[in-house]
Amino acid sequence: MDMVTRSLTAAEVELINAGQLVGVATSTTAPAAPSSRLNGPVTLEFPVEHEGRSYTAIDVSNPAMGVVEEVQEAAATMEPLKLSFLMISRFAEVPPEVVRKLRRSDYERVLESISPLSETPASGGQPASSGPGLNSPAGAPTSPTQPTS
């Protein structure tokens, strides 16, 4: 019989602790499986309701390179704010409407959580785009701008 080693999910640990999950061999010496998540979920100060679901946190993943490619291609033609909506939606795997419903403070914290994703291996650690919105949380204005003339 082959043995598969992996880290237990938080839900599995809770079930084991509650005595509801049996027959699982656990060991504290097994290395942790690599995570596809970055920084952990961002708990929303203002939960979002969408299509009967309540979003209380946005959990940004370490996206597949195809998703990174999609965002880089969009960066050439998209406005920075719309690009940041696309990034959050695709990286966190939530509907775009959820991102649009975020309050500004929650949006900025989620955007900050994806800033490590702005560097790609193909760019040698450089930002994935020179346009705002892909490099840093500065992608969207943080305060209203006043005319300079």
N, C-alpha and C. Protein backbone atom coordinates (compact mmCIF):
# COMPACT_ATOMS: atom_id res chain seq x y z
N MET A 1 0.85 -1.18 0.00
CA MET A 1 0.00 0.00 0.00
C MET A 1 0.89 1.24 0.00
N ASP A 2 0.63 2.14 -0.96
CA ASP A 2 1.40 3.38 -1.03
C ASP A 2 0.89 4.36 0.01
N MET A 3 1.80 5.14 0.56
CA MET A 3 1.45 6.14 1.57
C MET A 3 1.59 7.51 0.94
N VAL A 4 0.60 8.36 1.14
CA VAL A 4 0.63 9.73 0.64
C VAL A 4 0.83 10.64 1.83
N THR A 5 1.78 11.54 1.72
CA THR A 5 2.05 12.48 2.80
C THR A 5 1.66 13.87 2.35
N ARG A 6 0.88 14.54 3.17
CA ARG A 6 0.50 15.92 2.91
C ARG A 6 0.13 16.57 4.22
N SER A 7 0.08 17.88 4.23
CA SER A 7 -0.36 18.61 5.41
C SER A 7 -1.87 18.54 5.51
N LEU A 8 -2.36 18.52 6.71
CA LEU A 8 -3.80 18.52 6.92
C LEU A 8 -4.33 19.94 6.79
N THR A 9 -5.54 20.04 6.29
CA THR A 9 -6.19 21.35 6.22
C THR A 9 -6.67 21.72 7.62
N ALA A 10 -6.97 22.98 7.82
CA ALA A 10 -7.49 23.43 9.11
C ALA A 10 -8.80 22.71 9.43
N ALA A 11 -9.62 22.49 8.42
CA ALA A 11 -10.90 21.79 8.64
C ALA A 11 -10.66 20.35 9.09
N GLU A 12 -9.67 19.68 8.49
CA GLU A 12 -9.36 18.31 8.89
C GLU A 12 -8.84 18.25 10.32
N VAL A 13 -8.02 19.22 10.70
CA VAL A 13 -7.49 19.27 12.07
C VAL A 13 -8.64 19.44 13.05
N GLU A 14 -9.60 20.31 12.72
CA GLU A 14 -10.76 20.50 13.59
C GLU A 14 -11.56 19.22 13.73
N LEU A 15 -11.74 18.51 12.61
CA LEU A 15 -12.49 17.25 12.67
C LEU A 15 -11.77 16.20 13.49
N ILE A 16 -10.45 16.14 13.37
CA ILE A 16 -9.67 15.19 14.17
C ILE A 16 -9.79 15.54 15.64
N ASN A 17 -9.63 16.82 15.96
CA ASN A 17 -9.74 17.26 17.36
C ASN A 17 -11.12 17.00 17.93
N ALA A 18 -12.14 17.05 17.09
CA ALA A 18 -13.51 16.80 17.55
C ALA A 18 -13.84 15.31 17.54
N GLY A 19 -12.90 14.48 17.10
CA GLY A 19 -13.11 13.03 17.06
C GLY A 19 -14.00 12.59 15.92
N GLN A 20 -14.20 13.45 14.92
CA GLN A 20 -15.08 13.12 13.81
C GLN A 20 -14.35 12.60 12.58
N LEU A 21 -13.05 12.69 12.56
CA LEU A 21 -12.27 12.18 11.44
C LEU A 21 -11.29 11.17 12.01
N VAL A 22 -11.46 9.92 11.62
CA VAL A 22 -10.61 8.86 12.14
C VAL A 22 -9.94 8.16 10.98
N GLY A 23 -8.91 7.41 11.27
CA GLY A 23 -8.21 6.66 10.24
C GLY A 23 -7.19 7.48 9.47
N VAL A 24 -6.84 8.63 9.99
CA VAL A 24 -5.84 9.48 9.34
C VAL A 24 -4.59 9.46 10.20
N ALA A 25 -3.51 8.99 9.59
CA ALA A 25 -2.24 8.97 10.32
C ALA A 25 -1.64 10.37 10.26
N THR A 26 -1.25 10.90 11.40
CA THR A 26 -0.64 12.22 11.43
C THR A 26 0.75 12.12 11.99
N SER A 27 1.58 13.03 11.57
CA SER A 27 2.96 13.07 12.05
C SER A 27 3.39 14.52 12.11
N THR A 28 4.14 14.86 13.13
CA THR A 28 4.63 16.24 13.24
C THR A 28 5.96 16.40 12.52
N THR A 29 6.50 15.32 11.96
CA THR A 29 7.80 15.42 11.30
C THR A 29 7.67 15.60 9.79
N ALA A 30 6.50 15.45 9.23
CA ALA A 30 6.33 15.60 7.79
C ALA A 30 6.46 17.07 7.41
N PRO A 31 7.17 17.35 6.33
CA PRO A 31 7.30 18.75 5.90
C PRO A 31 5.95 19.27 5.41
N ALA A 32 5.76 20.54 5.60
CA ALA A 32 4.52 21.17 5.16
C ALA A 32 4.47 21.22 3.64
N ALA A 33 3.32 20.99 3.10
CA ALA A 33 3.14 21.07 1.66
C ALA A 33 3.23 22.54 1.24
N PRO A 34 3.79 22.81 0.05
CA PRO A 34 3.85 24.19 -0.40
C PRO A 34 2.44 24.76 -0.53
N SER A 35 2.31 26.00 -0.19
CA SER A 35 1.01 26.64 -0.22
C SER A 35 0.84 27.41 -1.51
N SER A 36 -0.39 27.42 -2.03
CA SER A 36 -0.67 28.23 -3.20
C SER A 36 -1.21 29.58 -2.76
N ARG A 37 -1.24 29.85 -1.47
CA ARG A 37 -1.77 31.09 -0.93
C ARG A 37 -0.64 32.01 -0.51
N LEU A 38 -0.89 33.30 -0.66
CA LEU A 38 0.07 34.32 -0.23
C LEU A 38 -0.53 35.11 0.91
N ASN A 39 0.24 35.41 1.91
CA ASN A 39 -0.14 36.32 2.98
C ASN A 39 -1.39 35.93 3.77
N GLY A 40 -2.05 34.87 3.43
CA GLY A 40 -3.28 34.50 4.11
C GLY A 40 -4.44 35.36 3.67
N PRO A 41 -5.63 35.04 4.11
CA PRO A 41 -6.79 35.81 3.67
C PRO A 41 -6.81 37.21 4.29
N VAL A 42 -7.39 38.14 3.56
CA VAL A 42 -7.60 39.49 4.07
C VAL A 42 -9.04 39.53 4.57
N THR A 43 -9.20 39.67 5.88
CA THR A 43 -10.53 39.75 6.46
C THR A 43 -11.14 41.10 6.11
N LEU A 44 -12.35 41.06 5.59
CA LEU A 44 -13.01 42.28 5.18
C LEU A 44 -13.68 42.96 6.35
N GLU A 45 -13.42 44.24 6.48
CA GLU A 45 -14.08 45.05 7.51
C GLU A 45 -15.56 45.20 7.19
N PHE A 46 -15.85 45.22 5.88
CA PHE A 46 -17.23 45.34 5.39
C PHE A 46 -17.51 44.16 4.47
N PRO A 47 -18.07 43.06 5.00
CA PRO A 47 -18.35 41.88 4.16
C PRO A 47 -19.21 42.25 2.95
N VAL A 48 -19.02 41.50 1.89
CA VAL A 48 -19.73 41.73 0.63
C VAL A 48 -20.73 40.60 0.40
N GLU A 49 -21.95 40.98 0.07
CA GLU A 49 -22.99 40.02 -0.29
C GLU A 49 -23.09 39.98 -1.81
N HIS A 50 -23.04 38.76 -2.37
CA HIS A 50 -23.15 38.61 -3.81
C HIS A 50 -23.76 37.26 -4.14
N GLU A 51 -24.85 37.27 -4.88
CA GLU A 51 -25.54 36.06 -5.32
C GLU A 51 -25.77 35.08 -4.18
N GLY A 52 -26.26 35.58 -3.06
CA GLY A 52 -26.61 34.74 -1.93
C GLY A 52 -25.45 34.28 -1.08
N ARG A 53 -24.26 34.76 -1.38
CA ARG A 53 -23.07 34.37 -0.60
C ARG A 53 -22.50 35.60 0.08
N SER A 54 -22.02 35.40 1.30
CA SER A 54 -21.38 36.48 2.03
C SER A 54 -19.86 36.28 1.99
N TYR A 55 -19.17 37.25 1.46
CA TYR A 55 -17.70 37.20 1.40
C TYR A 55 -17.17 37.99 2.60
N THR A 56 -16.58 37.29 3.55
CA THR A 56 -16.05 37.94 4.75
C THR A 56 -14.53 38.10 4.67
N ALA A 57 -13.92 37.44 3.70
CA ALA A 57 -12.47 37.54 3.49
C ALA A 57 -12.17 37.30 2.03
N ILE A 58 -11.06 37.86 1.58
CA ILE A 58 -10.56 37.63 0.22
C ILE A 58 -9.21 36.95 0.38
N ASP A 59 -9.09 35.76 -0.19
CA ASP A 59 -7.88 34.96 -0.06
C ASP A 59 -7.16 34.93 -1.41
N VAL A 60 -6.08 35.65 -1.51
CA VAL A 60 -5.33 35.77 -2.76
C VAL A 60 -4.41 34.57 -2.93
N SER A 61 -4.47 33.95 -4.10
CA SER A 61 -3.64 32.78 -4.35
C SER A 61 -2.39 33.15 -5.14
N ASN A 62 -1.50 32.19 -5.22
CA ASN A 62 -0.32 32.30 -6.06
C ASN A 62 -0.77 31.78 -7.42
N PRO A 63 -1.08 32.68 -8.36
CA PRO A 63 -1.77 32.27 -9.58
C PRO A 63 -0.92 31.44 -10.54
N ALA A 64 -1.62 30.69 -11.38
CA ALA A 64 -0.95 29.98 -12.46
C ALA A 64 -0.37 31.00 -13.43
N MET A 65 0.66 30.62 -14.13
CA MET A 65 1.32 31.56 -15.04
C MET A 65 0.39 32.02 -16.15
N GLY A 66 -0.59 31.22 -16.53
CA GLY A 66 -1.57 31.66 -17.52
C GLY A 66 -2.37 32.86 -17.05
N VAL A 67 -2.67 32.88 -15.76
CA VAL A 67 -3.40 34.02 -15.18
C VAL A 67 -2.49 35.24 -15.16
N VAL A 68 -1.23 35.05 -14.82
CA VAL A 68 -0.27 36.15 -14.83
C VAL A 68 -0.14 36.71 -16.25
N GLU A 69 -0.07 35.81 -17.23
CA GLU A 69 0.01 36.24 -18.62
C GLU A 69 -1.23 37.05 -19.02
N GLU A 70 -2.40 36.58 -18.62
CA GLU A 70 -3.65 37.29 -18.91
C GLU A 70 -3.62 38.71 -18.35
N VAL A 71 -3.16 38.85 -17.12
CA VAL A 71 -3.11 40.16 -16.47
C VAL A 71 -2.08 41.05 -17.15
N GLN A 72 -0.93 40.49 -17.51
CA GLN A 72 0.09 41.29 -18.19
C GLN A 72 -0.41 41.80 -19.54
N GLU A 73 -1.12 40.95 -20.28
CA GLU A 73 -1.67 41.38 -21.56
C GLU A 73 -2.72 42.48 -21.37
N ALA A 74 -3.54 42.34 -20.34
CA ALA A 74 -4.57 43.34 -20.06
C ALA A 74 -3.95 44.67 -19.63
N ALA A 75 -2.77 44.62 -19.02
CA ALA A 75 -2.11 45.83 -18.52
C ALA A 75 -1.80 46.81 -19.65
N ALA A 76 -1.63 46.30 -20.85
CA ALA A 76 -1.29 47.17 -21.98
C ALA A 76 -2.47 48.05 -22.41
N THR A 77 -3.70 47.61 -22.12
CA THR A 77 -4.85 48.34 -22.65
C THR A 77 -5.85 48.80 -21.58
N MET A 78 -5.72 48.30 -20.37
CA MET A 78 -6.72 48.58 -19.34
C MET A 78 -6.35 49.74 -18.46
N GLU A 79 -7.37 50.47 -18.01
CA GLU A 79 -7.16 51.53 -17.03
C GLU A 79 -6.65 50.88 -15.74
N PRO A 80 -5.82 51.58 -14.96
CA PRO A 80 -5.25 51.00 -13.74
C PRO A 80 -6.29 50.47 -12.75
N LEU A 81 -7.37 51.19 -12.53
CA LEU A 81 -8.36 50.73 -11.58
C LEU A 81 -9.02 49.44 -12.05
N LYS A 82 -9.41 49.40 -13.33
CA LYS A 82 -10.03 48.19 -13.87
C LYS A 82 -9.04 47.02 -13.89
N LEU A 83 -7.78 47.33 -14.13
CA LEU A 83 -6.76 46.29 -14.11
C LEU A 83 -6.63 45.70 -12.70
N SER A 84 -6.68 46.55 -11.69
CA SER A 84 -6.58 46.05 -10.32
C SER A 84 -7.79 45.19 -9.97
N PHE A 85 -8.97 45.53 -10.49
CA PHE A 85 -10.16 44.70 -10.28
C PHE A 85 -9.94 43.32 -10.90
N LEU A 86 -9.41 43.30 -12.13
CA LEU A 86 -9.13 42.03 -12.80
C LEU A 86 -8.13 41.20 -12.00
N MET A 87 -7.05 41.86 -11.54
CA MET A 87 -6.04 41.13 -10.77
C MET A 87 -6.63 40.50 -9.52
N ILE A 88 -7.35 41.27 -8.76
CA ILE A 88 -7.93 40.74 -7.52
C ILE A 88 -8.89 39.61 -7.84
N SER A 89 -9.76 39.82 -8.81
CA SER A 89 -10.74 38.81 -9.17
C SER A 89 -10.07 37.51 -9.59
N ARG A 90 -9.09 37.60 -10.47
CA ARG A 90 -8.42 36.39 -10.98
C ARG A 90 -7.51 35.75 -9.95
N PHE A 91 -6.76 36.56 -9.18
CA PHE A 91 -5.83 36.00 -8.21
C PHE A 91 -6.55 35.43 -6.99
N ALA A 92 -7.69 36.00 -6.64
CA ALA A 92 -8.44 35.52 -5.47
C ALA A 92 -9.59 34.59 -5.86
N GLU A 93 -9.78 34.42 -7.17
CA GLU A 93 -10.83 33.53 -7.68
C GLU A 93 -12.20 33.89 -7.12
N VAL A 94 -12.54 35.17 -7.23
CA VAL A 94 -13.86 35.66 -6.84
C VAL A 94 -14.46 36.38 -8.05
N PRO A 95 -15.79 36.43 -8.13
CA PRO A 95 -16.41 37.15 -9.25
C PRO A 95 -15.99 38.63 -9.26
N PRO A 96 -15.83 39.21 -10.44
CA PRO A 96 -15.45 40.62 -10.52
C PRO A 96 -16.43 41.53 -9.77
N GLU A 97 -17.70 41.15 -9.72
CA GLU A 97 -18.69 41.96 -9.02
C GLU A 97 -18.37 42.07 -7.53
N VAL A 98 -17.78 41.03 -6.96
CA VAL A 98 -17.40 41.07 -5.54
C VAL A 98 -16.34 42.15 -5.33
N VAL A 99 -15.38 42.22 -6.24
CA VAL A 99 -14.32 43.23 -6.13
C VAL A 99 -14.92 44.62 -6.25
N ARG A 100 -15.84 44.80 -7.16
CA ARG A 100 -16.48 46.11 -7.35
C ARG A 100 -17.27 46.55 -6.12
N LYS A 101 -17.75 45.59 -5.34
CA LYS A 101 -18.54 45.91 -4.15
C LYS A 101 -17.69 46.16 -2.90
N LEU A 102 -16.38 45.92 -2.99
CA LEU A 102 -15.51 46.14 -1.83
C LEU A 102 -15.52 47.61 -1.43
N ARG A 103 -15.49 47.87 -0.16
CA ARG A 103 -15.29 49.23 0.33
C ARG A 103 -13.83 49.59 0.10
N ARG A 104 -13.56 50.87 -0.01
CA ARG A 104 -12.21 51.33 -0.36
C ARG A 104 -11.13 50.79 0.58
N SER A 105 -11.39 50.83 1.89
CA SER A 105 -10.37 50.37 2.85
C SER A 105 -10.07 48.89 2.65
N ASP A 106 -11.10 48.08 2.42
CA ASP A 106 -10.89 46.65 2.17
C ASP A 106 -10.18 46.44 0.84
N TYR A 107 -10.60 47.18 -0.18
CA TYR A 107 -9.97 47.09 -1.50
C TYR A 107 -8.47 47.37 -1.41
N GLU A 108 -8.10 48.42 -0.69
CA GLU A 108 -6.68 48.78 -0.60
C GLU A 108 -5.88 47.71 0.13
N ARG A 109 -6.46 47.09 1.18
CA ARG A 109 -5.74 46.02 1.89
C ARG A 109 -5.60 44.78 1.02
N VAL A 110 -6.63 44.45 0.24
CA VAL A 110 -6.54 43.30 -0.67
C VAL A 110 -5.51 43.58 -1.75
N LEU A 111 -5.54 44.79 -2.31
CA LEU A 111 -4.58 45.17 -3.35
C LEU A 111 -3.15 45.08 -2.81
N GLU A 112 -2.96 45.52 -1.58
CA GLU A 112 -1.63 45.42 -0.96
C GLU A 112 -1.19 43.96 -0.85
N SER A 113 -2.12 43.06 -0.60
CA SER A 113 -1.76 41.65 -0.44
C SER A 113 -1.31 41.02 -1.75
N ILE A 114 -1.68 41.60 -2.88
CA ILE A 114 -1.24 41.03 -4.15
C ILE A 114 0.03 41.67 -4.67
N SER A 115 0.56 42.67 -3.98
CA SER A 115 1.77 43.34 -4.46
C SER A 115 2.95 42.39 -4.67
N PRO A 116 3.13 41.29 -3.87
CA PRO A 116 4.24 40.38 -4.17
C PRO A 116 4.09 39.71 -5.53
N LEU A 117 2.88 39.68 -6.08
CA LEU A 117 2.65 39.03 -7.37
C LEU A 117 3.03 39.91 -8.54
N SER A 118 3.43 41.14 -8.29
CA SER A 118 3.76 42.04 -9.38
C SER A 118 5.13 41.74 -9.98
N GLU A 119 5.89 40.88 -9.34
CA GLU A 119 7.19 40.48 -9.89
C GLU A 119 7.06 39.09 -10.45
N THR A 120 7.59 38.88 -11.66
CA THR A 120 7.50 37.58 -12.29
C THR A 120 8.88 37.06 -12.63
N PRO A 121 9.04 35.73 -12.69
CA PRO A 121 10.34 35.17 -13.04
C PRO A 121 10.84 35.64 -14.41
N ALA A 122 9.95 35.80 -15.37
CA ALA A 122 10.36 36.20 -16.71
C ALA A 122 10.92 37.61 -16.74
N SER A 123 10.56 38.41 -15.77
CA SER A 123 11.04 39.79 -15.78
C SER A 123 12.29 39.96 -14.93
N GLY A 124 12.84 38.85 -14.45
CA GLY A 124 14.05 38.93 -13.64
C GLY A 124 13.81 39.62 -12.32
N GLY A 125 12.59 39.48 -11.78
CA GLY A 125 12.29 40.10 -10.50
C GLY A 125 11.81 41.52 -10.62
N GLN A 126 11.72 42.00 -11.86
CA GLN A 126 11.24 43.34 -12.08
C GLN A 126 9.72 43.33 -12.08
N PRO A 127 9.09 44.45 -11.85
CA PRO A 127 7.64 44.51 -11.91
C PRO A 127 7.12 43.98 -13.24
N ALA A 128 5.97 43.32 -13.20
CA ALA A 128 5.41 42.70 -14.38
C ALA A 128 4.93 43.72 -15.41
N SER A 129 4.76 44.94 -15.02
CA SER A 129 4.31 45.99 -15.94
C SER A 129 4.84 47.32 -15.45
N SER A 130 5.01 48.21 -16.37
CA SER A 130 5.45 49.54 -15.94
C SER A 130 4.25 50.43 -15.62
N GLY A 131 3.06 49.96 -15.91
CA GLY A 131 1.87 50.76 -15.64
C GLY A 131 1.44 50.64 -14.20
N PRO A 132 0.78 51.65 -13.68
CA PRO A 132 0.30 51.57 -12.31
C PRO A 132 -0.79 50.51 -12.21
N GLY A 133 -0.97 49.97 -11.02
CA GLY A 133 -2.00 48.97 -10.81
C GLY A 133 -1.45 47.58 -10.80
N LEU A 134 -0.32 47.34 -11.42
CA LEU A 134 0.27 46.01 -11.42
C LEU A 134 1.51 45.97 -10.55
N ASN A 135 2.12 47.09 -10.29
CA ASN A 135 3.35 47.12 -9.52
C ASN A 135 3.14 47.23 -8.03
N SER A 136 2.11 47.95 -7.61
CA SER A 136 1.99 48.26 -6.20
C SER A 136 0.57 48.66 -5.87
N PRO A 137 0.31 48.81 -4.58
CA PRO A 137 -1.01 49.28 -4.20
C PRO A 137 -1.33 50.67 -4.73
N ALA A 138 -0.35 51.33 -5.31
CA ALA A 138 -0.58 52.66 -5.84
C ALA A 138 -1.34 52.62 -7.15
N GLY A 139 -1.77 51.43 -7.57
CA GLY A 139 -2.47 51.27 -8.84
C GLY A 139 -3.72 52.10 -8.93
N ALA A 140 -4.40 52.27 -7.85
CA ALA A 140 -5.59 53.10 -7.86
C ALA A 140 -5.30 54.32 -7.00
N PRO A 141 -5.91 55.42 -7.31
CA PRO A 141 -5.65 56.61 -6.50
C PRO A 141 -6.04 56.35 -5.05
N THR A 142 -5.23 56.86 -4.13
CA THR A 142 -5.53 56.67 -2.72
C THR A 142 -6.25 57.87 -2.15
N SER A 143 -6.28 58.96 -2.89
CA SER A 143 -7.04 60.12 -2.45
C SER A 143 -7.52 60.86 -3.68
N PRO A 144 -8.58 61.62 -3.57
CA PRO A 144 -9.04 62.37 -4.74
C PRO A 144 -7.96 63.31 -5.23
N THR A 145 -7.84 63.41 -6.53
CA THR A 145 -6.83 64.30 -7.10
C THR A 145 -7.46 65.64 -7.43
N GLN A 146 -6.69 66.67 -7.26
CA GLN A 146 -7.14 68.03 -7.55
C GLN A 146 -6.50 68.47 -8.86
N PRO A 147 -7.18 69.26 -9.63
CA PRO A 147 -6.56 69.79 -10.87
C PRO A 147 -5.29 70.56 -10.53
N THR A 148 -4.30 70.43 -11.40
CA THR A 148 -3.01 71.08 -11.16
C THR A 148 -2.86 72.37 -11.93
N SER A 149 -3.84 72.77 -12.72
CA SER A 149 -3.68 74.00 -13.52
C SER A 149 -4.08 75.23 -12.78
